[in-house]
């Protein structure tokens, strides 16, 4: 179902063309036999035009390939949204008023190797993150010499600072980004959200996590959306769904990845096709005990900030073989936008 979205900025329209499949015809090569050998050559010569004519008359149905079924998406409500925050990356660089970097291998944040056995060291170097030609580029690099003990470097950016200053956060609304992703075994790009207070309902994942888009670079046609909830690790759980892009299309093309987040439901989209949704009746929160009142929407009823990163290796795809993966591997972000329902504009 189409959404009514009011843009404060100029909208960009992307027209996607569909290629036609060529149909092959197999001519009828069956020929009549004659008992007289001297007439056979003459008859074959005479029947050649007739054979071509017969081939043209064969029904196309025998050579048609079955059409691939098209997933038209789950039913969604018709909501009018208004733009409340965005980064179009049309400036000279990454705006510190909107984004801050995280650093290292996770040990600074109490999660060695980011809790997933990831192999990259995050930096704010221009080689790993920069704005160029109106796009944010986050690049994973295989270093010739180890960088602070790690073979790979990359970048991880978020709308909250390392000192806890909130640059931007939202509770509910539509959060979307137009992104072109790298492919290759072990490449793990992500567009996701965490609560600004990561202990609001207890340690991860009691306070929730919304993964708008994650991709295993080994599977470049498959997009993943996930909701993490439950109690603190290891008492946490998650629910996820994947969306397979149409044939002759993959994540190395630009796509719009989005969630629509409401108190009663969260919905995941690729190019405005809703492929996954969860009701607040399906998720739950095991509070750490310090929060007295837990709403039906908890833990997804508090402000969340936005995160963009490209990880390398890790537990997300244990089948990956990075021996042939091409580096540098760059995620290109055209824009990030946040909308609120018109009547709930902040």
C-alpha atoms as a PDB file:
ATOM      1  CA  UNK A   1       0.000   0.000   0.000  1.00  0.00           C
ATOM      2  CA  UNK A   2       1.386   3.356  -0.971  1.00  0.00           C
ATOM      3  CA  UNK A   3       2.300   5.818   1.730  1.00  0.00           C
ATOM      4  CA  UNK A   4       1.592   9.539   1.586  1.00  0.00           C
ATOM      5  CA  UNK A   5       4.859  11.214   2.472  1.00  0.00           C
ATOM      6  CA  UNK A   6       5.307  14.978   2.533  1.00  0.00           C
ATOM      7  CA  UNK A   7       8.829  15.928   1.671  1.00  0.00           C
ATOM      8  CA  UNK A   8      10.448  19.113   2.898  1.00  0.00           C
ATOM      9  CA  UNK A   9      13.206  18.417   0.406  1.00  0.00           C
ATOM     10  CA  UNK A  10      13.079  17.678  -3.298  1.00  0.00           C
ATOM     11  CA  UNK A  11      12.051  14.051  -3.928  1.00  0.00           C
ATOM     12  CA  UNK A  12      14.106  11.798  -6.109  1.00  0.00           C
ATOM     13  CA  UNK A  13      12.299   9.374  -8.330  1.00  0.00           C
ATOM     14  CA  UNK A  14      13.881   6.132  -9.431  1.00  0.00           C
ATOM     15  CA  UNK A  15      12.420   4.337 -12.418  1.00  0.00           C
ATOM     16  CA  UNK A  16      13.213   0.693 -12.635  1.00  0.00           C
ATOM     17  CA  UNK A  17      12.912  -0.963 -16.029  1.00  0.00           C
ATOM     18  CA  UNK A  18      11.991  -4.574 -16.583  1.00  0.00           C
ATOM     19  CA  UNK A  19      13.872  -6.592 -19.156  1.00  0.00           C
ATOM     20  CA  UNK A  20      12.026  -8.888 -21.558  1.00  0.00           C
ATOM     21  CA  UNK A  21      12.843 -12.544 -21.735  1.00  0.00           C
ATOM     22  CA  UNK A  22      13.663 -13.844 -25.198  1.00  0.00           C
ATOM     23  CA  UNK A  23      11.662 -16.865 -26.258  1.00  0.00           C
ATOM     24  CA  UNK A  24      13.454 -19.567 -28.204  1.00  0.00           C
ATOM     25  CA  UNK A  25      11.731 -21.605 -30.863  1.00  0.00           C
ATOM     26  CA  UNK A  26      12.778 -25.129 -31.747  1.00  0.00           C
ATOM     27  CA  UNK A  27      12.101 -25.918 -35.403  1.00  0.00           C
ATOM     28  CA  UNK A  28      10.436 -29.186 -36.332  1.00  0.00           C
ATOM     29  CA  UNK A  29      13.181 -31.255 -37.948  1.00  0.00           C
ATOM     30  CA  UNK A  30      11.027 -34.377 -38.581  1.00  0.00           C
ATOM     31  CA  UNK A  31      10.948 -35.247 -42.314  1.00  0.00           C
ATOM     32  CA  UNK A  32       8.959 -37.798 -44.275  1.00  0.00           C
ATOM     33  CA  UNK A  33      10.865 -40.812 -45.634  1.00  0.00           C
ATOM     34  CA  UNK A  34      10.441 -42.087 -49.181  1.00  0.00           C
ATOM     35  CA  UNK A  35      11.280 -45.522 -50.407  1.00  0.00           C
ATOM     36  CA  UNK A  36      13.036 -44.227 -53.493  1.00  0.00           C
ATOM     37  CA  UNK A  37      16.492 -42.941 -52.527  1.00  0.00           C
ATOM     38  CA  UNK A  38      16.908 -40.747 -55.613  1.00  0.00           C
ATOM     39  CA  UNK A  39      13.770 -38.810 -54.671  1.00  0.00           C
ATOM     40  CA  UNK A  40      14.830 -38.368 -51.037  1.00  0.00           C
ATOM     41  CA  UNK A  41      17.335 -35.572 -51.721  1.00  0.00           C
ATOM     42  CA  UNK A  42      14.873 -33.778 -53.929  1.00  0.00           C
ATOM     43  CA  UNK A  43      12.087 -34.099 -51.345  1.00  0.00           C
ATOM     44  CA  UNK A  44      14.330 -32.823 -48.542  1.00  0.00           C
ATOM     45  CA  UNK A  45      15.277 -29.837 -50.670  1.00  0.00           C
ATOM     46  CA  UNK A  46      11.672 -29.103 -51.493  1.00  0.00           C
ATOM     47  CA  UNK A  47      10.507 -29.504 -47.902  1.00  0.00           C
ATOM     48  CA  UNK A  48      13.063 -27.155 -46.352  1.00  0.00           C
ATOM     49  CA  UNK A  49      10.908 -24.038 -46.831  1.00  0.00           C
ATOM     50  CA  UNK A  50       7.925 -26.020 -45.557  1.00  0.00           C
ATOM     51  CA  UNK A  51       9.939 -27.034 -42.464  1.00  0.00           C
ATOM     52  CA  UNK A  52      10.793 -23.398 -41.726  1.00  0.00           C
ATOM     53  CA  UNK A  53       7.160 -22.473 -42.151  1.00  0.00           C
ATOM     54  CA  UNK A  54       6.113 -25.233 -39.788  1.00  0.00           C
ATOM     55  CA  UNK A  55       8.606 -24.024 -37.176  1.00  0.00           C
ATOM     56  CA  UNK A  56       7.081 -20.560 -37.324  1.00  0.00           C
ATOM     57  CA  UNK A  57       3.688 -22.028 -36.625  1.00  0.00           C
ATOM     58  CA  UNK A  58       4.723 -23.963 -33.497  1.00  0.00           C
ATOM     59  CA  UNK A  59       2.940 -22.705 -30.388  1.00  0.00           C
ATOM     60  CA  UNK A  60       5.144 -20.454 -28.267  1.00  0.00           C
ATOM     61  CA  UNK A  61       3.794 -22.009 -25.094  1.00  0.00           C
ATOM     62  CA  UNK A  62       6.190 -24.955 -25.324  1.00  0.00           C
ATOM     63  CA  UNK A  63       9.255 -22.691 -25.180  1.00  0.00           C
ATOM     64  CA  UNK A  64       8.089 -20.066 -22.646  1.00  0.00           C
ATOM     65  CA  UNK A  65       9.865 -19.975 -19.299  1.00  0.00           C
ATOM     66  CA  UNK A  66       7.536 -19.876 -16.298  1.00  0.00           C
ATOM     67  CA  UNK A  67       7.171 -16.360 -14.964  1.00  0.00           C
ATOM     68  CA  UNK A  68       8.783 -15.725 -11.565  1.00  0.00           C
ATOM     69  CA  UNK A  69       6.150 -14.997  -8.961  1.00  0.00           C
ATOM     70  CA  UNK A  70       6.325 -11.431  -7.700  1.00  0.00           C
ATOM     71  CA  UNK A  71       5.921 -10.756  -3.988  1.00  0.00           C
ATOM     72  CA  UNK A  72       3.765  -7.663  -3.728  1.00  0.00           C
ATOM     73  CA  UNK A  73       4.268  -7.177  -0.001  1.00  0.00           C
ATOM     74  CA  UNK A  74       2.251  -7.444   3.173  1.00  0.00           C
ATOM     75  CA  UNK A  75      -0.741  -5.218   3.786  1.00  0.00           C
ATOM     76  CA  UNK A  76       0.111  -1.977   5.561  1.00  0.00           C
ATOM     77  CA  UNK A  77      -1.908   1.000   6.808  1.00  0.00           C
ATOM     78  CA  UNK A  78      -2.155   4.173   4.748  1.00  0.00           C
ATOM     79  CA  UNK A  79      -0.262   6.745   6.823  1.00  0.00           C
ATOM     80  CA  UNK A  80       0.624  10.351   6.075  1.00  0.00           C
ATOM     81  CA  UNK A  81       4.181  11.143   7.143  1.00  0.00           C
ATOM     82  CA  UNK A  82       6.111  14.377   7.402  1.00  0.00           C
ATOM     83  CA  UNK A  83       9.904  14.668   7.286  1.00  0.00           C
ATOM     84  CA  UNK A  84      11.398  15.684  10.647  1.00  0.00           C
ATOM     85  CA  UNK A  85      15.126  14.916  10.288  1.00  0.00           C
ATOM     86  CA  UNK A  86      17.520  13.980   7.498  1.00  0.00           C
ATOM     87  CA  UNK A  87      21.067  13.921   6.281  1.00  0.00           C
ATOM     88  CA  UNK A  88      21.347  14.238   2.505  1.00  0.00           C
ATOM     89  CA  UNK A  89      25.171  14.205   2.635  1.00  0.00           C
ATOM     90  CA  UNK A  90      25.362  17.177   0.308  1.00  0.00           C
ATOM     91  CA  UNK A  91      27.961  19.075   2.342  1.00  0.00           C
ATOM     92  CA  UNK A  92      31.746  19.001   2.298  1.00  0.00           C
ATOM     93  CA  UNK A  93      32.080  16.321   4.954  1.00  0.00           C
ATOM     94  CA  UNK A  94      30.485  14.310   7.732  1.00  0.00           C
ATOM     95  CA  UNK A  95      28.575  16.691   9.997  1.00  0.00           C
ATOM     96  CA  UNK A  96      29.628  16.348  13.655  1.00  0.00           C
ATOM     97  CA  UNK A  97      26.285  17.852  14.653  1.00  0.00           C
ATOM     98  CA  UNK A  98      24.613  14.728  13.266  1.00  0.00           C
ATOM     99  CA  UNK A  99      27.105  11.866  13.584  1.00  0.00           C
ATOM    100  CA  UNK A 100      29.812  10.591  15.888  1.00  0.00           C
ATOM    101  CA  UNK A 101      32.193   7.664  15.440  1.00  0.00           C
ATOM    102  CA  UNK A 102      32.768   4.595  17.527  1.00  0.00           C
ATOM    103  CA  UNK A 103      36.319   3.289  17.725  1.00  0.00           C
ATOM    104  CA  UNK A 104      38.333   0.156  18.009  1.00  0.00           C
ATOM    105  CA  UNK A 105      37.458  -3.502  18.377  1.00  0.00           C
ATOM    106  CA  UNK A 106      34.686  -3.028  20.930  1.00  0.00           C
ATOM    107  CA  UNK A 107      36.778  -3.294  24.074  1.00  0.00           C
ATOM    108  CA  UNK A 108      36.272   0.426  24.828  1.00  0.00           C
ATOM    109  CA  UNK A 109      32.545  -0.311  25.089  1.00  0.00           C
ATOM    110  CA  UNK A 110      32.816  -3.542  27.039  1.00  0.00           C
ATOM    111  CA  UNK A 111      32.083  -5.816  24.051  1.00  0.00           C
ATOM    112  CA  UNK A 112      35.332  -7.341  22.790  1.00  0.00           C
ATOM    113  CA  UNK A 113      35.203  -7.830  19.010  1.00  0.00           C
ATOM    114  CA  UNK A 114      31.755  -6.200  19.210  1.00  0.00           C
ATOM    115  CA  UNK A 115      30.306  -9.342  20.775  1.00  0.00           C
ATOM    116  CA  UNK A 116      30.260 -11.135  17.416  1.00  0.00           C
ATOM    117  CA  UNK A 117      33.902 -12.101  16.786  1.00  0.00           C
ATOM    118  CA  UNK A 118      34.149  -9.321  14.204  1.00  0.00           C
ATOM    119  CA  UNK A 119      37.531  -8.737  12.604  1.00  0.00           C
ATOM    120  CA  UNK A 120      37.567  -4.982  11.931  1.00  0.00           C
ATOM    121  CA  UNK A 121      38.952  -2.037  13.865  1.00  0.00           C
ATOM    122  CA  UNK A 122      36.691   1.014  13.581  1.00  0.00           C
ATOM    123  CA  UNK A 123      38.279   4.381  12.855  1.00  0.00           C
ATOM    124  CA  UNK A 124      37.264   7.889  11.777  1.00  0.00           C
ATOM    125  CA  UNK A 125      39.964   8.041   9.098  1.00  0.00           C
ATOM    126  CA  UNK A 126      38.946   9.495   5.756  1.00  0.00           C
ATOM    127  CA  UNK A 127      39.895   6.194   4.115  1.00  0.00           C
ATOM    128  CA  UNK A 128      37.132   4.529   6.133  1.00  0.00           C
ATOM    129  CA  UNK A 129      34.429   7.237   6.183  1.00  0.00           C
ATOM    130  CA  UNK A 130      33.927  10.345   4.080  1.00  0.00           C
ATOM    131  CA  UNK A 131      31.388  12.334   2.087  1.00  0.00           C
ATOM    132  CA  UNK A 132      31.961  12.390  -1.651  1.00  0.00           C
ATOM    133  CA  UNK A 133      29.697  13.469  -4.535  1.00  0.00           C
ATOM    134  CA  UNK A 134      26.680  13.757  -2.258  1.00  0.00           C
ATOM    135  CA  UNK A 135      27.114  10.296  -0.731  1.00  0.00           C
ATOM    136  CA  UNK A 136      28.375   8.992   2.583  1.00  0.00           C
ATOM    137  CA  UNK A 137      31.009   6.329   1.921  1.00  0.00           C
ATOM    138  CA  UNK A 138      31.855   3.777   4.612  1.00  0.00           C
ATOM    139  CA  UNK A 139      34.722   1.575   3.463  1.00  0.00           C
ATOM    140  CA  UNK A 140      36.092  -1.653   4.871  1.00  0.00           C
ATOM    141  CA  UNK A 141      39.791  -2.077   4.064  1.00  0.00           C
ATOM    142  CA  UNK A 142      42.136  -5.037   4.275  1.00  0.00           C
ATOM    143  CA  UNK A 143      45.263  -3.407   5.629  1.00  0.00           C
ATOM    144  CA  UNK A 144      48.680  -4.352   4.227  1.00  0.00           C
ATOM    145  CA  UNK A 145      50.024  -4.155   7.759  1.00  0.00           C
ATOM    146  CA  UNK A 146      47.879  -4.796  10.802  1.00  0.00           C
ATOM    147  CA  UNK A 147      46.216  -1.688  12.190  1.00  0.00           C
ATOM    148  CA  UNK A 148      46.416  -1.762  15.972  1.00  0.00           C
ATOM    149  CA  UNK A 149      46.472  -5.518  15.854  1.00  0.00           C
ATOM    150  CA  UNK A 150      43.602  -5.951  13.375  1.00  0.00           C
ATOM    151  CA  UNK A 151      43.745  -7.036   9.734  1.00  0.00           C
ATOM    152  CA  UNK A 152      40.736  -4.942   8.673  1.00  0.00           C
ATOM    153  CA  UNK A 153      39.540  -1.385   9.299  1.00  0.00           C
ATOM    154  CA  UNK A 154      36.137   0.181   8.746  1.00  0.00           C
ATOM    155  CA  UNK A 155      33.790   2.794  10.261  1.00  0.00           C
ATOM    156  CA  UNK A 156      30.761   2.787  12.524  1.00  0.00           C
ATOM    157  CA  UNK A 157      28.737   6.008  12.878  1.00  0.00           C
ATOM    158  CA  UNK A 158      25.780   6.849  15.098  1.00  0.00           C
ATOM    159  CA  UNK A 159      23.580   9.783  16.087  1.00  0.00           C
ATOM    160  CA  UNK A 160      24.794   9.829  19.685  1.00  0.00           C
ATOM    161  CA  UNK A 161      28.266  10.744  20.939  1.00  0.00           C
ATOM    162  CA  UNK A 162      30.681   8.662  22.963  1.00  0.00           C
ATOM    163  CA  UNK A 163      29.965  10.949  25.920  1.00  0.00           C
ATOM    164  CA  UNK A 164      26.237  10.236  25.713  1.00  0.00           C
ATOM    165  CA  UNK A 165      25.107  13.459  24.031  1.00  0.00           C
ATOM    166  CA  UNK A 166      22.119  12.676  21.849  1.00  0.00           C
ATOM    167  CA  UNK A 167      22.557  14.212  18.395  1.00  0.00           C
ATOM    168  CA  UNK A 168      19.311  12.721  17.147  1.00  0.00           C
ATOM    169  CA  UNK A 169      16.931  10.047  18.383  1.00  0.00           C
ATOM    170  CA  UNK A 170      13.348   9.161  17.673  1.00  0.00           C
ATOM    171  CA  UNK A 171      10.527   7.224  19.262  1.00  0.00           C
ATOM    172  CA  UNK A 172       8.243   5.848  16.532  1.00  0.00           C
ATOM    173  CA  UNK A 173       7.974   7.031  12.945  1.00  0.00           C
ATOM    174  CA  UNK A 174       9.452   5.937   9.637  1.00  0.00           C
ATOM    175  CA  UNK A 175      13.240   5.645   9.423  1.00  0.00           C
ATOM    176  CA  UNK A 176      14.702   5.052   5.971  1.00  0.00           C
ATOM    177  CA  UNK A 177      17.925   5.242   3.976  1.00  0.00           C
ATOM    178  CA  UNK A 178      18.801   4.835   0.314  1.00  0.00           C
ATOM    179  CA  UNK A 179      21.908   2.667   0.215  1.00  0.00           C
ATOM    180  CA  UNK A 180      24.141   0.835  -2.237  1.00  0.00           C
ATOM    181  CA  UNK A 181      25.957  -2.055  -0.566  1.00  0.00           C
ATOM    182  CA  UNK A 182      29.156  -4.007  -1.157  1.00  0.00           C
ATOM    183  CA  UNK A 183      29.074  -7.760  -1.729  1.00  0.00           C
ATOM    184  CA  UNK A 184      31.548 -10.513  -0.926  1.00  0.00           C
ATOM    185  CA  UNK A 185      32.030 -13.227   1.673  1.00  0.00           C
ATOM    186  CA  UNK A 186      32.403 -11.832   5.179  1.00  0.00           C
ATOM    187  CA  UNK A 187      31.135  -8.330   4.369  1.00  0.00           C
ATOM    188  CA  UNK A 188      28.442  -7.322   6.866  1.00  0.00           C
ATOM    189  CA  UNK A 189      26.860  -3.899   6.250  1.00  0.00           C
ATOM    190  CA  UNK A 190      24.110  -2.719   8.573  1.00  0.00           C
ATOM    191  CA  UNK A 191      21.601   0.102   9.104  1.00  0.00           C
ATOM    192  CA  UNK A 192      20.094  -0.223  12.571  1.00  0.00           C
ATOM    193  CA  UNK A 193      18.996   1.378  15.850  1.00  0.00           C
ATOM    194  CA  UNK A 194      19.718   1.099  19.570  1.00  0.00           C
ATOM    195  CA  UNK A 195      18.112   2.880  22.535  1.00  0.00           C
ATOM    196  CA  UNK A 196      19.930   6.032  23.634  1.00  0.00           C
ATOM    197  CA  UNK A 197      19.784   4.595  27.143  1.00  0.00           C
ATOM    198  CA  UNK A 198      20.984   1.067  26.486  1.00  0.00           C
ATOM    199  CA  UNK A 199      20.050  -0.016  30.006  1.00  0.00           C
ATOM    200  CA  UNK A 200      16.568   1.533  30.094  1.00  0.00           C
ATOM    201  CA  UNK A 201      15.035  -1.905  30.630  1.00  0.00           C
ATOM    202  CA  UNK A 202      18.225  -3.783  31.406  1.00  0.00           C
ATOM    203  CA  UNK A 203      21.396  -4.774  29.564  1.00  0.00           C
ATOM    204  CA  UNK A 204      21.309  -5.868  25.909  1.00  0.00           C
ATOM    205  CA  UNK A 205      18.945  -7.026  24.569  1.00  0.00           C
ATOM    206  CA  UNK A 206      16.364  -6.303  27.287  1.00  0.00           C
ATOM    207  CA  UNK A 207      16.263  -2.685  26.111  1.00  0.00           C
ATOM    208  CA  UNK A 208      15.793  -3.688  22.473  1.00  0.00           C
ATOM    209  CA  UNK A 209      17.495  -3.414  19.092  1.00  0.00           C
ATOM    210  CA  UNK A 210      15.928  -2.701  15.690  1.00  0.00           C
ATOM    211  CA  UNK A 211      17.934  -3.944  12.704  1.00  0.00           C
ATOM    212  CA  UNK A 212      16.461  -2.135   9.712  1.00  0.00           C
ATOM    213  CA  UNK A 213      18.827  -3.792   7.246  1.00  0.00           C
ATOM    214  CA  UNK A 214      21.632  -6.323   7.493  1.00  0.00           C
ATOM    215  CA  UNK A 215      23.203  -8.229   4.609  1.00  0.00           C
ATOM    216  CA  UNK A 216      25.529 -11.202   4.367  1.00  0.00           C
ATOM    217  CA  UNK A 217      27.824 -10.209   1.521  1.00  0.00           C
ATOM    218  CA  UNK A 218      27.950 -13.849   0.441  1.00  0.00           C
ATOM    219  CA  UNK A 219      24.210 -13.624  -0.349  1.00  0.00           C
ATOM    220  CA  UNK A 220      23.811 -10.305  -2.191  1.00  0.00           C
ATOM    221  CA  UNK A 221      20.150 -10.798  -3.097  1.00  0.00           C
ATOM    222  CA  UNK A 222      18.980 -11.379   0.478  1.00  0.00           C
ATOM    223  CA  UNK A 223      18.120  -8.544   2.885  1.00  0.00           C
ATOM    224  CA  UNK A 224      17.524  -9.236   6.586  1.00  0.00           C
ATOM    225  CA  UNK A 225      15.411  -7.400   9.159  1.00  0.00           C
ATOM    226  CA  UNK A 226      15.550  -8.327  12.840  1.00  0.00           C
ATOM    227  CA  UNK A 227      14.062  -7.355  16.185  1.00  0.00           C
ATOM    228  CA  UNK A 228      16.048  -8.146  19.361  1.00  0.00           C
ATOM    229  CA  UNK A 229      14.188  -8.201  22.682  1.00  0.00           C
ATOM    230  CA  UNK A 230      13.514 -10.292  25.796  1.00  0.00           C
ATOM    231  CA  UNK A 231      15.852 -10.238  28.766  1.00  0.00           C
ATOM    232  CA  UNK A 232      19.515  -9.376  29.237  1.00  0.00           C
ATOM    233  CA  UNK A 233      21.959 -11.687  27.446  1.00  0.00           C
ATOM    234  CA  UNK A 234      21.872 -14.695  27.513  1.00  0.00           C
ATOM    235  CA  UNK A 235      18.164 -14.490  28.274  1.00  0.00           C
ATOM    236  CA  UNK A 236      17.505 -12.494  25.104  1.00  0.00           C
ATOM    237  CA  UNK A 237      15.797 -13.586  21.913  1.00  0.00           C
ATOM    238  CA  UNK A 238      15.099 -12.241  18.452  1.00  0.00           C
ATOM    239  CA  UNK A 239      12.727 -12.549  15.517  1.00  0.00           C
ATOM    240  CA  UNK A 240      13.799 -11.929  11.951  1.00  0.00           C
ATOM    241  CA  UNK A 241      12.731 -12.263   8.356  1.00  0.00           C
ATOM    242  CA  UNK A 242      14.528 -12.040   5.032  1.00  0.00           C
ATOM    243  CA  UNK A 243      13.552 -10.556   1.690  1.00  0.00           C
ATOM    244  CA  UNK A 244      14.934 -11.806  -1.609  1.00  0.00           C
ATOM    245  CA  UNK A 245      15.375  -9.109  -4.214  1.00  0.00           C
ATOM    246  CA  UNK A 246      13.916  -9.751  -7.681  1.00  0.00           C
ATOM    247  CA  UNK A 247      15.999 -11.588 -10.267  1.00  0.00           C
ATOM    248  CA  UNK A 248      18.824  -9.648 -11.926  1.00  0.00           C
ATOM    249  CA  UNK A 249      18.864  -7.326  -8.919  1.00  0.00           C
ATOM    250  CA  UNK A 250      20.963  -7.308  -5.763  1.00  0.00           C
ATOM    251  CA  UNK A 251      22.195  -5.107  -2.939  1.00  0.00           C
ATOM    252  CA  UNK A 252      24.981  -3.626  -5.071  1.00  0.00           C
ATOM    253  CA  UNK A 253      22.226  -1.485  -6.629  1.00  0.00           C
ATOM    254  CA  UNK A 254      20.613   1.360  -4.716  1.00  0.00           C
ATOM    255  CA  UNK A 255      17.582   0.390  -2.617  1.00  0.00           C
ATOM    256  CA  UNK A 256      15.538   2.143   0.050  1.00  0.00           C
ATOM    257  CA  UNK A 257      15.543   0.269   3.365  1.00  0.00           C
ATOM    258  CA  UNK A 258      13.023   1.356   5.991  1.00  0.00           C
ATOM    259  CA  UNK A 259      11.064   0.562   9.107  1.00  0.00           C
ATOM    260  CA  UNK A 260       7.751   2.019  10.187  1.00  0.00           C
ATOM    261  CA  UNK A 261       7.657   1.919  13.961  1.00  0.00           C
ATOM    262  CA  UNK A 262       4.476   2.329  15.971  1.00  0.00           C
ATOM    263  CA  UNK A 263       3.582   1.376  19.565  1.00  0.00           C
ATOM    264  CA  UNK A 264       1.527  -1.592  18.364  1.00  0.00           C
ATOM    265  CA  UNK A 265       3.584  -2.726  15.375  1.00  0.00           C
ATOM    266  CA  UNK A 266       6.932  -2.470  13.556  1.00  0.00           C
ATOM    267  CA  UNK A 267       7.131  -3.018   9.790  1.00  0.00           C
ATOM    268  CA  UNK A 268      10.181  -3.600   7.550  1.00  0.00           C
ATOM    269  CA  UNK A 269      10.435  -2.457   3.926  1.00  0.00           C
ATOM    270  CA  UNK A 270      12.663  -2.721   0.879  1.00  0.00           C
ATOM    271  CA  UNK A 271      11.740  -0.255  -1.870  1.00  0.00           C
ATOM    272  CA  UNK A 272       8.369   0.301  -0.158  1.00  0.00           C
ATOM    273  CA  UNK A 273       7.557  -3.421  -0.213  1.00  0.00           C
ATOM    274  CA  UNK A 274       6.673  -4.560   3.301  1.00  0.00           C
ATOM    275  CA  UNK A 275       8.169  -8.020   3.821  1.00  0.00           C
ATOM    276  CA  UNK A 276       8.052  -8.351   7.610  1.00  0.00           C
ATOM    277  CA  UNK A 277       6.040  -7.003  10.502  1.00  0.00           C
ATOM    278  CA  UNK A 278       5.749  -7.694  14.213  1.00  0.00           C
ATOM    279  CA  UNK A 279       3.009  -6.863  16.677  1.00  0.00           C
ATOM    280  CA  UNK A 280       3.694  -5.667  20.216  1.00  0.00           C
ATOM    281  CA  UNK A 281       1.856  -8.809  21.288  1.00  0.00           C
ATOM    282  CA  UNK A 282       4.759 -10.825  19.824  1.00  0.00           C
ATOM    283  CA  UNK A 283       7.684  -9.053  21.492  1.00  0.00           C
ATOM    284  CA  UNK A 284       8.190  -8.679  25.226  1.00  0.00           C
ATOM    285  CA  UNK A 285      10.475  -7.118  27.783  1.00  0.00           C
ATOM    286  CA  UNK A 286      11.927  -8.745  30.869  1.00  0.00           C
ATOM    287  CA  UNK A 287      12.738  -5.625  32.844  1.00  0.00           C
ATOM    288  CA  UNK A 288      15.922  -5.516  34.862  1.00  0.00           C
ATOM    289  CA  UNK A 289      13.886  -4.531  37.898  1.00  0.00           C
ATOM    290  CA  UNK A 290      14.795  -0.860  38.075  1.00  0.00           C
ATOM    291  CA  UNK A 291      11.951   0.238  35.811  1.00  0.00           C
ATOM    292  CA  UNK A 292       8.651   0.275  37.693  1.00  0.00           C
ATOM    293  CA  UNK A 293       6.236   0.659  34.786  1.00  0.00           C
ATOM    294  CA  UNK A 294       6.647  -1.396  31.611  1.00  0.00           C
ATOM    295  CA  UNK A 295       4.214  -0.558  28.799  1.00  0.00           C
ATOM    296  CA  UNK A 296       2.834  -3.037  26.288  1.00  0.00           C
ATOM    297  CA  UNK A 297       5.186  -1.544  23.700  1.00  0.00           C
ATOM    298  CA  UNK A 298       8.327  -1.966  25.854  1.00  0.00           C
ATOM    299  CA  UNK A 299      11.165  -2.029  25.185  1.00  0.00           C
ATOM    300  CA  UNK A 300      10.304  -0.234  21.944  1.00  0.00           C
ATOM    301  CA  UNK A 301       8.723   2.811  23.572  1.00  0.00           C
ATOM    302  CA  UNK A 302      11.845   4.897  24.238  1.00  0.00           C
ATOM    303  CA  UNK A 303      14.136   7.015  22.016  1.00  0.00           C
ATOM    304  CA  UNK A 304      16.447   5.090  19.674  1.00  0.00           C
ATOM    305  CA  UNK A 305      19.455   6.449  17.770  1.00  0.00           C
ATOM    306  CA  UNK A 306      20.583   5.509  14.260  1.00  0.00           C
ATOM    307  CA  UNK A 307      23.707   3.493  13.383  1.00  0.00           C
ATOM    308  CA  UNK A 308      25.498   2.836  10.068  1.00  0.00           C
ATOM    309  CA  UNK A 309      28.479   0.505   9.771  1.00  0.00           C
ATOM    310  CA  UNK A 310      30.284  -2.102   7.703  1.00  0.00           C
ATOM    311  CA  UNK A 311      31.623  -5.026   9.722  1.00  0.00           C
ATOM    312  CA  UNK A 312      33.982  -7.750   8.516  1.00  0.00           C
ATOM    313  CA  UNK A 313      33.738 -11.430   9.434  1.00  0.00           C
ATOM    314  CA  UNK A 314      31.952 -12.367  12.625  1.00  0.00           C
ATOM    315  CA  UNK A 315      29.225 -14.754  13.685  1.00  0.00           C
ATOM    316  CA  UNK A 316      26.576 -13.389  11.322  1.00  0.00           C
ATOM    317  CA  UNK A 317      27.800 -15.619   8.486  1.00  0.00           C
ATOM    318  CA  UNK A 318      29.934 -18.531   9.700  1.00  0.00           C
ATOM    319  CA  UNK A 319      29.956 -19.994   6.164  1.00  0.00           C
ATOM    320  CA  UNK A 320      31.832 -17.015   4.721  1.00  0.00           C
ATOM    321  CA  UNK A 321      35.226 -17.638   3.125  1.00  0.00           C
ATOM    322  CA  UNK A 322      37.022 -14.293   2.834  1.00  0.00           C
ATOM    323  CA  UNK A 323      40.006 -15.656   0.912  1.00  0.00           C
ATOM    324  CA  UNK A 324      38.508 -14.357  -2.336  1.00  0.00           C
ATOM    325  CA  UNK A 325      36.702 -11.263  -1.032  1.00  0.00           C
ATOM    326  CA  UNK A 326      37.590  -8.051  -2.819  1.00  0.00           C
ATOM    327  CA  UNK A 327      38.624  -5.061  -0.701  1.00  0.00           C
ATOM    328  CA  UNK A 328      38.094  -2.141  -0.316  1.00  0.00           C
ATOM    329  CA  UNK A 329      34.362  -2.766   0.172  1.00  0.00           C
ATOM    330  CA  UNK A 330      32.246   0.391   0.300  1.00  0.00           C
ATOM    331  CA  UNK A 331      28.711   1.124   1.441  1.00  0.00           C
ATOM    332  CA  UNK A 332      27.296   4.228  -0.278  1.00  0.00           C
ATOM    333  CA  UNK A 333      24.517   6.074   1.545  1.00  0.00           C
ATOM    334  CA  UNK A 334      22.528   8.569  -0.519  1.00  0.00           C
ATOM    335  CA  UNK A 335      20.454   9.823   2.413  1.00  0.00           C
ATOM    336  CA  UNK A 336      19.020   8.971   5.816  1.00  0.00           C
ATOM    337  CA  UNK A 337      15.541  10.343   6.623  1.00  0.00           C
ATOM    338  CA  UNK A 338      13.180  10.194   9.560  1.00  0.00           C
ATOM    339  CA  UNK A 339       9.452  10.903   9.360  1.00  0.00           C
ATOM    340  CA  UNK A 340       6.699  11.213  11.917  1.00  0.00           C
ATOM    341  CA  UNK A 341       2.983  10.779  11.403  1.00  0.00           C
ATOM    342  CA  UNK A 342       1.540  14.149  10.431  1.00  0.00           C
ATOM    343  CA  UNK A 343      -0.637  14.410  13.522  1.00  0.00           C
ATOM    344  CA  UNK A 344       2.294  13.365  15.772  1.00  0.00           C
ATOM    345  CA  UNK A 345       4.958  15.658  14.318  1.00  0.00           C
ATOM    346  CA  UNK A 346       7.640  16.472  16.861  1.00  0.00           C
END
